[in-house]
Amino acid sequence: MGTDGVPKQRNTYFIDSRSGSETARLILQDQLVTRGMGGPFPAHLDLSAVRAVLDLACGPAGWALGVAFQFPTTEVVGIDIDPVMIDYARAESSVQGLTNARFQVMDMLEPWDFPDASFDLVNERFLSGVLPGAAWSALVAECRRVLRPGGVLCLAEGDAWSITGSPALLRYSGLAVQAMFKAGLSFATEGNSFGLSPLLPRFLQRAGFGDIRITPHVLDFSQGTEAFEGYYQNFTVASELLLPFIVKTGIASQQELEHLNGRLRREMRSDDFNALWYLLVATGRKL
């Protein structure tokens, strides 16, 4: 309990969300990924009956605000455990004049303050950095509870930072995977993958969803591509913000990580830098 008698919420996010750099990075990442995926929703979804959408761990609400703007007759609700992020989302919604978007502080690890069958679609993107591995099954079940019959759950995850020949980027992402596993946020102990994306269809199936589909996406951010500068900013800022978390887990020293960050930036700026980011979207329908 907090000092005011209110139950204390558990913020499991491994980056300091009070950082303005992280807010800017999340907004940029949302833009890059949505553009790379061809839009906010998988192309196979029929959105004609979607009138209420819930976005989980919405952060600064880049995805939610974009959906609210694109679909003005759809009610978009975003939840996040961080009041700073929710305040930002509300301010942006007001500035943009979006009357169909609202945002609430809510802990995803607790039962949600929504009645059964409240939404037509629930969206999540990149919960691998937020949700403990042991909590996934309960979260998907809670998504099913708040969906109306025929409603859709969209799970979008990027299982690795990149597939690349950059030794520094591979080394850094491997250390991040180890640190996340130690913190209970990864399904893999080592390597360049969190081990999460292969499990998404299984989570949907076990929760009772039907019409399960997976849609892969490959985003190219090699040197010389249009996407390079945005991804360079995304990954280099993320590597700086991740540093205290990795050091705290004891996986690597601050000195090693600072040296690795310098190498990472130089290698990404080289003319022969090539990299792909693989994303997977798994969807299921409530029967």
C-alpha atoms as a PDB file:
ATOM      1  CA  MET A   1       0.000   0.000   0.000  1.00  0.00           C
ATOM      2  CA  GLY A   2       1.115   3.557  -0.628  1.00  0.00           C
ATOM      3  CA  THR A   3       1.290   6.156   2.121  1.00  0.00           C
ATOM      4  CA  ASP A   4      -2.146   7.436   1.084  1.00  0.00           C
ATOM      5  CA  GLY A   5      -3.749   4.010   1.516  1.00  0.00           C
ATOM      6  CA  VAL A   6      -4.083   3.430  -2.233  1.00  0.00           C
ATOM      7  CA  PRO A   7      -2.732   0.079  -3.493  1.00  0.00           C
ATOM      8  CA  LYS A   8       0.690   0.596  -5.028  1.00  0.00           C
ATOM      9  CA  GLN A   9       0.877  -0.227  -8.738  1.00  0.00           C
ATOM     10  CA  ARG A  10       3.697  -2.357 -10.142  1.00  0.00           C
ATOM     11  CA  ASN A  11       5.530  -0.618 -12.951  1.00  0.00           C
ATOM     12  CA  THR A  12       7.650  -3.366 -14.535  1.00  0.00           C
ATOM     13  CA  TYR A  13       8.938  -1.237 -17.424  1.00  0.00           C
ATOM     14  CA  PHE A  14      12.748  -1.380 -17.463  1.00  0.00           C
ATOM     15  CA  ILE A  15      13.333   2.167 -18.826  1.00  0.00           C
ATOM     16  CA  ASP A  16      12.698   5.326 -16.802  1.00  0.00           C
ATOM     17  CA  SER A  17       9.445   6.547 -18.350  1.00  0.00           C
ATOM     18  CA  ARG A  18       9.939  10.016 -16.847  1.00  0.00           C
ATOM     19  CA  SER A  19      12.681  10.613 -19.392  1.00  0.00           C
ATOM     20  CA  GLY A  20      11.691  12.980 -22.178  1.00  0.00           C
ATOM     21  CA  SER A  21      14.027  10.998 -24.427  1.00  0.00           C
ATOM     22  CA  GLU A  22      11.958   7.859 -23.872  1.00  0.00           C
ATOM     23  CA  THR A  23       8.695   9.650 -24.631  1.00  0.00           C
ATOM     24  CA  ALA A  24      10.141  10.944 -27.908  1.00  0.00           C
ATOM     25  CA  ARG A  25      11.592   7.516 -28.739  1.00  0.00           C
ATOM     26  CA  LEU A  26       8.273   5.753 -28.195  1.00  0.00           C
ATOM     27  CA  ILE A  27       6.455   8.241 -30.430  1.00  0.00           C
ATOM     28  CA  LEU A  28       9.076   7.784 -33.144  1.00  0.00           C
ATOM     29  CA  GLN A  29       8.976   3.996 -32.792  1.00  0.00           C
ATOM     30  CA  ASP A  30       5.182   3.963 -33.162  1.00  0.00           C
ATOM     31  CA  GLN A  31       5.438   5.995 -36.361  1.00  0.00           C
ATOM     32  CA  LEU A  32       8.183   3.793 -37.811  1.00  0.00           C
ATOM     33  CA  VAL A  33       6.453   0.520 -37.015  1.00  0.00           C
ATOM     34  CA  THR A  34       2.986   1.609 -38.146  1.00  0.00           C
ATOM     35  CA  ARG A  35       4.448   2.841 -41.429  1.00  0.00           C
ATOM     36  CA  GLY A  36       6.484  -0.339 -41.858  1.00  0.00           C
ATOM     37  CA  MET A  37       3.431  -2.521 -41.205  1.00  0.00           C
ATOM     38  CA  GLY A  38       1.310  -0.611 -43.706  1.00  0.00           C
ATOM     39  CA  GLY A  39      -1.086   0.824 -41.119  1.00  0.00           C
ATOM     40  CA  PRO A  40      -2.250   0.407 -37.511  1.00  0.00           C
ATOM     41  CA  PHE A  41      -4.181  -2.826 -38.165  1.00  0.00           C
ATOM     42  CA  PRO A  42      -3.465  -6.047 -40.080  1.00  0.00           C
ATOM     43  CA  ALA A  43      -4.816  -5.797 -43.628  1.00  0.00           C
ATOM     44  CA  HIS A  44      -7.036  -8.885 -43.276  1.00  0.00           C
ATOM     45  CA  LEU A  45      -9.189  -7.413 -40.501  1.00  0.00           C
ATOM     46  CA  ASP A  46     -12.707  -6.208 -41.303  1.00  0.00           C
ATOM     47  CA  LEU A  47     -13.039  -2.982 -39.314  1.00  0.00           C
ATOM     48  CA  SER A  48     -16.576  -2.104 -40.438  1.00  0.00           C
ATOM     49  CA  ALA A  49     -18.105  -3.174 -37.113  1.00  0.00           C
ATOM     50  CA  VAL A  50     -15.323  -1.818 -34.872  1.00  0.00           C
ATOM     51  CA  ARG A  51     -16.708   1.003 -32.728  1.00  0.00           C
ATOM     52  CA  ALA A  52     -14.642   0.682 -29.531  1.00  0.00           C
ATOM     53  CA  VAL A  53     -10.894  -0.010 -29.319  1.00  0.00           C
ATOM     54  CA  LEU A  54      -8.685  -0.588 -26.281  1.00  0.00           C
ATOM     55  CA  ASP A  55      -4.901   0.007 -26.470  1.00  0.00           C
ATOM     56  CA  LEU A  56      -2.819  -1.655 -23.742  1.00  0.00           C
ATOM     57  CA  ALA A  57       0.280   0.036 -22.264  1.00  0.00           C
ATOM     58  CA  CYS A  58      -0.408   2.955 -24.589  1.00  0.00           C
ATOM     59  CA  GLY A  59       2.565   5.048 -23.418  1.00  0.00           C
ATOM     60  CA  PRO A  60       2.446   8.512 -25.037  1.00  0.00           C
ATOM     61  CA  ALA A  61      -0.382   7.146 -27.212  1.00  0.00           C
ATOM     62  CA  GLY A  62       1.148   7.453 -30.658  1.00  0.00           C
ATOM     63  CA  TRP A  63      -0.806   4.434 -31.925  1.00  0.00           C
ATOM     64  CA  ALA A  64      -4.061   5.285 -30.102  1.00  0.00           C
ATOM     65  CA  LEU A  65      -4.095   8.930 -31.223  1.00  0.00           C
ATOM     66  CA  GLY A  66      -3.365   7.897 -34.788  1.00  0.00           C
ATOM     67  CA  VAL A  67      -6.305   5.472 -34.754  1.00  0.00           C
ATOM     68  CA  ALA A  68      -8.609   8.072 -33.184  1.00  0.00           C
ATOM     69  CA  PHE A  69      -7.688  10.551 -35.931  1.00  0.00           C
ATOM     70  CA  GLN A  70      -8.042   8.029 -38.758  1.00  0.00           C
ATOM     71  CA  PHE A  71     -11.349   6.605 -37.460  1.00  0.00           C
ATOM     72  CA  PRO A  72     -13.297   9.548 -35.981  1.00  0.00           C
ATOM     73  CA  THR A  73     -16.450   7.485 -35.304  1.00  0.00           C
ATOM     74  CA  THR A  74     -14.499   4.919 -33.243  1.00  0.00           C
ATOM     75  CA  GLU A  75     -14.005   5.343 -29.493  1.00  0.00           C
ATOM     76  CA  VAL A  76     -10.357   4.727 -28.585  1.00  0.00           C
ATOM     77  CA  VAL A  77      -9.335   4.037 -24.981  1.00  0.00           C
ATOM     78  CA  GLY A  78      -5.699   3.823 -23.909  1.00  0.00           C
ATOM     79  CA  ILE A  79      -4.465   2.517 -20.566  1.00  0.00           C
ATOM     80  CA  ASP A  80      -1.032   2.726 -18.982  1.00  0.00           C
ATOM     81  CA  ILE A  81       0.316   2.298 -15.472  1.00  0.00           C
ATOM     82  CA  ASP A  82       2.345   5.521 -15.722  1.00  0.00           C
ATOM     83  CA  PRO A  83       0.480   8.761 -14.867  1.00  0.00           C
ATOM     84  CA  VAL A  84       3.142  10.785 -16.716  1.00  0.00           C
ATOM     85  CA  MET A  85       2.379   8.947 -19.965  1.00  0.00           C
ATOM     86  CA  ILE A  86      -1.374   9.280 -19.454  1.00  0.00           C
ATOM     87  CA  ASP A  87      -1.054  13.028 -18.791  1.00  0.00           C
ATOM     88  CA  TYR A  88       0.930  13.383 -22.000  1.00  0.00           C
ATOM     89  CA  ALA A  89      -1.640  11.363 -23.976  1.00  0.00           C
ATOM     90  CA  ARG A  90      -4.516  13.445 -22.622  1.00  0.00           C
ATOM     91  CA  ALA A  91      -2.728  16.697 -23.449  1.00  0.00           C
ATOM     92  CA  GLU A  92      -1.996  15.536 -27.005  1.00  0.00           C
ATOM     93  CA  SER A  93      -5.588  14.409 -27.465  1.00  0.00           C
ATOM     94  CA  SER A  94      -6.805  17.826 -26.358  1.00  0.00           C
ATOM     95  CA  VAL A  95      -4.370  19.698 -28.613  1.00  0.00           C
ATOM     96  CA  GLN A  96      -5.453  17.596 -31.590  1.00  0.00           C
ATOM     97  CA  GLY A  97      -9.139  18.078 -30.753  1.00  0.00           C
ATOM     98  CA  LEU A  98      -9.823  14.331 -30.611  1.00  0.00           C
ATOM     99  CA  THR A  99     -13.110  13.899 -28.768  1.00  0.00           C
ATOM    100  CA  ASN A 100     -13.160  10.147 -29.437  1.00  0.00           C
ATOM    101  CA  ALA A 101      -9.995   9.329 -27.437  1.00  0.00           C
ATOM    102  CA  ARG A 102      -9.660   8.934 -23.677  1.00  0.00           C
ATOM    103  CA  PHE A 103      -6.898   7.640 -21.437  1.00  0.00           C
ATOM    104  CA  GLN A 104      -6.820   6.021 -17.991  1.00  0.00           C
ATOM    105  CA  VAL A 105      -4.160   5.059 -15.482  1.00  0.00           C
ATOM    106  CA  MET A 106      -4.543   1.310 -15.000  1.00  0.00           C
ATOM    107  CA  ASP A 107      -2.368  -1.642 -13.947  1.00  0.00           C
ATOM    108  CA  MET A 108      -2.550  -4.429 -16.534  1.00  0.00           C
ATOM    109  CA  LEU A 109      -1.466  -6.949 -13.903  1.00  0.00           C
ATOM    110  CA  GLU A 110      -4.704  -6.393 -11.970  1.00  0.00           C
ATOM    111  CA  PRO A 111      -8.322  -7.000 -13.109  1.00  0.00           C
ATOM    112  CA  TRP A 112      -9.263  -4.128 -15.404  1.00  0.00           C
ATOM    113  CA  ASP A 113     -11.896  -1.536 -14.566  1.00  0.00           C
ATOM    114  CA  PHE A 114     -14.018  -2.344 -17.631  1.00  0.00           C
ATOM    115  CA  PRO A 115     -17.246  -4.368 -17.816  1.00  0.00           C
ATOM    116  CA  ASP A 116     -17.396  -7.591 -19.782  1.00  0.00           C
ATOM    117  CA  ALA A 117     -17.821  -7.207 -23.556  1.00  0.00           C
ATOM    118  CA  SER A 118     -16.817  -3.511 -23.672  1.00  0.00           C
ATOM    119  CA  PHE A 119     -14.660  -3.448 -26.821  1.00  0.00           C
ATOM    120  CA  ASP A 120     -14.637  -4.634 -30.415  1.00  0.00           C
ATOM    121  CA  LEU A 121     -10.840  -4.737 -30.653  1.00  0.00           C
ATOM    122  CA  VAL A 122      -7.974  -4.857 -28.157  1.00  0.00           C
ATOM    123  CA  ASN A 123      -4.474  -3.921 -29.311  1.00  0.00           C
ATOM    124  CA  GLU A 124      -1.081  -4.490 -27.746  1.00  0.00           C
ATOM    125  CA  ARG A 125       2.321  -3.657 -29.153  1.00  0.00           C
ATOM    126  CA  PHE A 126       5.718  -4.528 -27.624  1.00  0.00           C
ATOM    127  CA  LEU A 127       4.649  -5.727 -24.194  1.00  0.00           C
ATOM    128  CA  SER A 128       7.847  -7.787 -24.075  1.00  0.00           C
ATOM    129  CA  GLY A 129       9.462  -4.885 -22.236  1.00  0.00           C
ATOM    130  CA  VAL A 130       6.610  -4.494 -19.775  1.00  0.00           C
ATOM    131  CA  LEU A 131       4.829  -7.756 -19.062  1.00  0.00           C
ATOM    132  CA  PRO A 132       6.404 -10.524 -16.954  1.00  0.00           C
ATOM    133  CA  GLY A 133       6.516 -13.817 -18.816  1.00  0.00           C
ATOM    134  CA  ALA A 134       4.319 -15.508 -16.215  1.00  0.00           C
ATOM    135  CA  ALA A 135       1.541 -12.910 -16.701  1.00  0.00           C
ATOM    136  CA  TRP A 136       0.872 -13.420 -20.416  1.00  0.00           C
ATOM    137  CA  SER A 137      -1.828 -16.081 -20.113  1.00  0.00           C
ATOM    138  CA  ALA A 138      -3.811 -14.043 -17.574  1.00  0.00           C
ATOM    139  CA  LEU A 139      -3.526 -10.909 -19.721  1.00  0.00           C
ATOM    140  CA  VAL A 140      -4.839 -12.647 -22.852  1.00  0.00           C
ATOM    141  CA  ALA A 141      -7.721 -14.082 -20.814  1.00  0.00           C
ATOM    142  CA  GLU A 142      -8.569 -10.590 -19.527  1.00  0.00           C
ATOM    143  CA  CYS A 143      -8.497  -9.298 -23.115  1.00  0.00           C
ATOM    144  CA  ARG A 144     -11.040 -11.962 -24.038  1.00  0.00           C
ATOM    145  CA  ARG A 145     -13.264 -10.947 -21.129  1.00  0.00           C
ATOM    146  CA  VAL A 146     -13.527  -7.308 -22.218  1.00  0.00           C
ATOM    147  CA  LEU A 147     -14.078  -8.179 -25.889  1.00  0.00           C
ATOM    148  CA  ARG A 148     -17.557  -8.485 -27.354  1.00  0.00           C
ATOM    149  CA  PRO A 149     -18.470 -11.726 -29.187  1.00  0.00           C
ATOM    150  CA  GLY A 150     -16.691 -11.557 -32.538  1.00  0.00           C
ATOM    151  CA  GLY A 151     -14.180  -9.032 -31.180  1.00  0.00           C
ATOM    152  CA  VAL A 152     -10.504  -9.242 -32.113  1.00  0.00           C
ATOM    153  CA  LEU A 153      -7.299  -9.258 -30.101  1.00  0.00           C
ATOM    154  CA  CYS A 154      -4.141  -8.048 -31.894  1.00  0.00           C
ATOM    155  CA  LEU A 155      -0.772  -9.014 -30.405  1.00  0.00           C
ATOM    156  CA  ALA A 156       2.226  -7.338 -32.088  1.00  0.00           C
ATOM    157  CA  GLU A 157       5.758  -8.169 -30.981  1.00  0.00           C
ATOM    158  CA  GLY A 158       9.271  -7.689 -32.328  1.00  0.00           C
ATOM    159  CA  ASP A 159      11.231 -10.637 -30.997  1.00  0.00           C
ATOM    160  CA  ALA A 160      14.716  -9.265 -31.582  1.00  0.00           C
ATOM    161  CA  TRP A 161      16.273  -5.854 -32.053  1.00  0.00           C
ATOM    162  CA  SER A 162      17.530  -6.809 -35.488  1.00  0.00           C
ATOM    163  CA  ILE A 163      19.089  -9.386 -37.749  1.00  0.00           C
ATOM    164  CA  THR A 164      22.384  -7.776 -38.679  1.00  0.00           C
ATOM    165  CA  GLY A 165      26.085  -8.260 -39.215  1.00  0.00           C
ATOM    166  CA  SER A 166      26.922  -5.499 -36.715  1.00  0.00           C
ATOM    167  CA  PRO A 167      28.858  -7.197 -33.872  1.00  0.00           C
ATOM    168  CA  ALA A 168      28.128  -4.345 -31.439  1.00  0.00           C
ATOM    169  CA  LEU A 169      24.373  -4.333 -32.098  1.00  0.00           C
ATOM    170  CA  LEU A 170      24.231  -8.135 -31.779  1.00  0.00           C
ATOM    171  CA  ARG A 171      26.255  -8.026 -28.548  1.00  0.00           C
ATOM    172  CA  TYR A 172      24.124  -5.279 -27.027  1.00  0.00           C
ATOM    173  CA  SER A 173      20.831  -6.954 -27.924  1.00  0.00           C
ATOM    174  CA  GLY A 174      22.145 -10.234 -26.500  1.00  0.00           C
ATOM    175  CA  LEU A 175      22.963  -8.534 -23.190  1.00  0.00           C
ATOM    176  CA  ALA A 176      19.489  -6.964 -23.177  1.00  0.00           C
ATOM    177  CA  VAL A 177      17.890 -10.414 -23.657  1.00  0.00           C
ATOM    178  CA  GLN A 178      19.897 -11.827 -20.732  1.00  0.00           C
ATOM    179  CA  ALA A 179      18.996  -8.873 -18.503  1.00  0.00           C
ATOM    180  CA  MET A 180      15.307  -9.128 -19.401  1.00  0.00           C
ATOM    181  CA  PHE A 181      15.302 -12.865 -18.658  1.00  0.00           C
ATOM    182  CA  LYS A 182      16.881 -12.200 -15.276  1.00  0.00           C
ATOM    183  CA  ALA A 183      14.113  -9.645 -14.612  1.00  0.00           C
ATOM    184  CA  GLY A 184      11.415 -12.136 -15.691  1.00  0.00           C
ATOM    185  CA  LEU A 185      10.588 -10.279 -18.919  1.00  0.00           C
ATOM    186  CA  SER A 186      11.978 -12.690 -21.527  1.00  0.00           C
ATOM    187  CA  PHE A 187      11.342 -16.301 -22.477  1.00  0.00           C
ATOM    188  CA  ALA A 188      14.935 -16.791 -23.737  1.00  0.00           C
ATOM    189  CA  THR A 189      18.073 -16.886 -21.609  1.00  0.00           C
ATOM    190  CA  GLU A 190      20.496 -15.796 -24.324  1.00  0.00           C
ATOM    191  CA  GLY A 191      20.829 -15.047 -28.030  1.00  0.00           C
ATOM    192  CA  ASN A 192      19.177 -12.235 -29.950  1.00  0.00           C
ATOM    193  CA  SER A 193      15.524 -13.161 -29.387  1.00  0.00           C
ATOM    194  CA  PHE A 194      13.103 -12.780 -26.503  1.00  0.00           C
ATOM    195  CA  GLY A 195      11.486 -16.090 -27.502  1.00  0.00           C
ATOM    196  CA  LEU A 196       8.034 -14.506 -27.375  1.00  0.00           C
ATOM    197  CA  SER A 197       6.605 -14.342 -30.899  1.00  0.00           C
ATOM    198  CA  PRO A 198       6.304 -18.144 -31.387  1.00  0.00           C
ATOM    199  CA  LEU A 199       4.147 -18.248 -28.254  1.00  0.00           C
ATOM    200  CA  LEU A 200       1.556 -15.657 -29.334  1.00  0.00           C
ATOM    201  CA  PRO A 201      -0.712 -18.073 -31.273  1.00  0.00           C
ATOM    202  CA  ARG A 202      -0.547 -20.522 -28.352  1.00  0.00           C
ATOM    203  CA  PHE A 203      -1.641 -17.844 -25.872  1.00  0.00           C
ATOM    204  CA  LEU A 204      -4.623 -17.038 -28.109  1.00  0.00           C
ATOM    205  CA  GLN A 205      -5.551 -20.681 -28.561  1.00  0.00           C
ATOM    206  CA  ARG A 206      -5.357 -21.501 -24.853  1.00  0.00           C
ATOM    207  CA  ALA A 207      -7.562 -18.495 -24.002  1.00  0.00           C
ATOM    208  CA  GLY A 208     -10.285 -19.792 -26.336  1.00  0.00           C
ATOM    209  CA  PHE A 209      -9.812 -17.513 -29.333  1.00  0.00           C
ATOM    210  CA  GLY A 210     -10.619 -18.737 -32.826  1.00  0.00           C
ATOM    211  CA  ASP A 211      -9.735 -17.662 -36.375  1.00  0.00           C
ATOM    212  CA  ILE A 212      -6.110 -17.265 -35.259  1.00  0.00           C
ATOM    213  CA  ARG A 213      -3.841 -15.728 -37.886  1.00  0.00           C
ATOM    214  CA  ILE A 214      -0.221 -14.590 -37.917  1.00  0.00           C
ATOM    215  CA  THR A 215       1.110 -11.806 -40.118  1.00  0.00           C
ATOM    216  CA  PRO A 216       4.904 -11.373 -40.384  1.00  0.00           C
ATOM    217  CA  HIS A 217       6.558  -8.064 -41.230  1.00  0.00           C
ATOM    218  CA  VAL A 218      10.154  -7.375 -42.223  1.00  0.00           C
ATOM    219  CA  LEU A 219      11.396  -3.804 -41.786  1.00  0.00           C
ATOM    220  CA  ASP A 220      14.640  -2.895 -43.575  1.00  0.00           C
ATOM    221  CA  PHE A 221      16.666  -0.152 -41.909  1.00  0.00           C
ATOM    222  CA  SER A 222      20.013  -0.728 -43.598  1.00  0.00           C
ATOM    223  CA  GLN A 223      22.298   2.212 -44.324  1.00  0.00           C
ATOM    224  CA  GLY A 224      20.958   4.121 -47.321  1.00  0.00           C
ATOM    225  CA  THR A 225      17.313   3.174 -46.851  1.00  0.00           C
ATOM    226  CA  GLU A 226      14.625   5.778 -46.219  1.00  0.00           C
ATOM    227  CA  ALA A 227      13.962   4.236 -42.809  1.00  0.00           C
ATOM    228  CA  PHE A 228      17.581   4.249 -41.600  1.00  0.00           C
ATOM    229  CA  GLU A 229      17.712   7.598 -39.756  1.00  0.00           C
ATOM    230  CA  GLY A 230      14.548   6.889 -37.772  1.00  0.00           C
ATOM    231  CA  TYR A 231      15.703   3.449 -36.694  1.00  0.00           C
ATOM    232  CA  TYR A 232      19.181   4.754 -35.915  1.00  0.00           C
ATOM    233  CA  GLN A 233      17.631   7.243 -33.487  1.00  0.00           C
ATOM    234  CA  ASN A 234      15.318   4.582 -32.048  1.00  0.00           C
ATOM    235  CA  PHE A 235      18.017   1.994 -31.343  1.00  0.00           C
ATOM    236  CA  THR A 236      20.790   4.327 -30.199  1.00  0.00           C
ATOM    237  CA  VAL A 237      18.501   6.160 -27.760  1.00  0.00           C
ATOM    238  CA  ALA A 238      17.141   2.822 -26.510  1.00  0.00           C
ATOM    239  CA  SER A 239      20.664   1.507 -25.928  1.00  0.00           C
ATOM    240  CA  GLU A 240      21.485   4.556 -23.775  1.00  0.00           C
ATOM    241  CA  LEU A 241      18.256   4.308 -21.779  1.00  0.00           C
ATOM    242  CA  LEU A 242      18.678   0.550 -21.256  1.00  0.00           C
ATOM    243  CA  LEU A 243      22.151   0.963 -19.765  1.00  0.00           C
ATOM    244  CA  PRO A 244      21.121   1.471 -16.096  1.00  0.00           C
ATOM    245  CA  PHE A 245      18.745  -1.514 -16.273  1.00  0.00           C
ATOM    246  CA  ILE A 246      21.384  -3.891 -17.665  1.00  0.00           C
ATOM    247  CA  VAL A 247      23.975  -2.700 -15.140  1.00  0.00           C
ATOM    248  CA  LYS A 248      21.490  -3.211 -12.292  1.00  0.00           C
ATOM    249  CA  THR A 249      20.946  -6.848 -13.304  1.00  0.00           C
ATOM    250  CA  GLY A 250      24.713  -7.468 -13.138  1.00  0.00           C
ATOM    251  CA  ILE A 251      24.887  -8.741 -16.722  1.00  0.00           C
ATOM    252  CA  ALA A 252      27.489  -6.154 -17.772  1.00  0.00           C
ATOM    253  CA  SER A 253      29.376  -3.178 -16.336  1.00  0.00           C
ATOM    254  CA  GLN A 254      28.644   0.440 -17.163  1.00  0.00           C
ATOM    255  CA  GLN A 255      32.112   0.826 -18.675  1.00  0.00           C
ATOM    256  CA  GLU A 256      31.572  -2.141 -21.027  1.00  0.00           C
ATOM    257  CA  LEU A 257      28.166  -0.861 -22.112  1.00  0.00           C
ATOM    258  CA  GLU A 258      29.383   2.688 -22.718  1.00  0.00           C
ATOM    259  CA  HIS A 259      32.191   1.317 -24.901  1.00  0.00           C
ATOM    260  CA  LEU A 260      29.695  -0.929 -26.704  1.00  0.00           C
ATOM    261  CA  ASN A 261      27.369   2.012 -27.328  1.00  0.00           C
ATOM    262  CA  GLY A 262      30.167   3.919 -29.029  1.00  0.00           C
ATOM    263  CA  ARG A 263      30.942   0.933 -31.271  1.00  0.00           C
ATOM    264  CA  LEU A 264      27.244   0.462 -32.020  1.00  0.00           C
ATOM    265  CA  ARG A 265      26.891   4.032 -33.272  1.00  0.00           C
ATOM    266  CA  ARG A 266      30.016   3.786 -35.448  1.00  0.00           C
ATOM    267  CA  GLU A 267      28.977   0.463 -36.971  1.00  0.00           C
ATOM    268  CA  MET A 268      25.441   1.666 -37.727  1.00  0.00           C
ATOM    269  CA  ARG A 269      26.864   4.762 -39.449  1.00  0.00           C
ATOM    270  CA  SER A 270      29.187   2.733 -41.654  1.00  0.00           C
ATOM    271  CA  ASP A 271      28.377   2.433 -45.366  1.00  0.00           C
ATOM    272  CA  ASP A 272      28.094  -1.367 -45.203  1.00  0.00           C
ATOM    273  CA  PHE A 273      25.625  -1.519 -42.298  1.00  0.00           C
ATOM    274  CA  ASN A 274      22.691  -3.826 -43.099  1.00  0.00           C
ATOM    275  CA  ALA A 275      19.870  -4.792 -40.764  1.00  0.00           C
ATOM    276  CA  LEU A 276      16.319  -6.145 -40.720  1.00  0.00           C
ATOM    277  CA  TRP A 277      13.746  -6.020 -37.915  1.00  0.00           C
ATOM    278  CA  TYR A 278      11.238  -8.864 -37.855  1.00  0.00           C
ATOM    279  CA  LEU A 279       7.800  -8.265 -36.347  1.00  0.00           C
ATOM    280  CA  LEU A 280       4.904 -10.656 -35.892  1.00  0.00           C
ATOM    281  CA  VAL A 281       1.223  -9.768 -35.458  1.00  0.00           C
ATOM    282  CA  ALA A 282      -1.014 -12.552 -34.124  1.00  0.00           C
ATOM    283  CA  THR A 283      -4.785 -12.010 -34.171  1.00  0.00           C
ATOM    284  CA  GLY A 284      -7.609 -14.038 -32.691  1.00  0.00           C
ATOM    285  CA  ARG A 285     -11.361 -13.657 -32.646  1.00  0.00           C
ATOM    286  CA  LYS A 286     -13.586 -14.162 -29.606  1.00  0.00           C
ATOM    287  CA  LEU A 287     -15.984 -16.923 -30.489  1.00  0.00           C
END
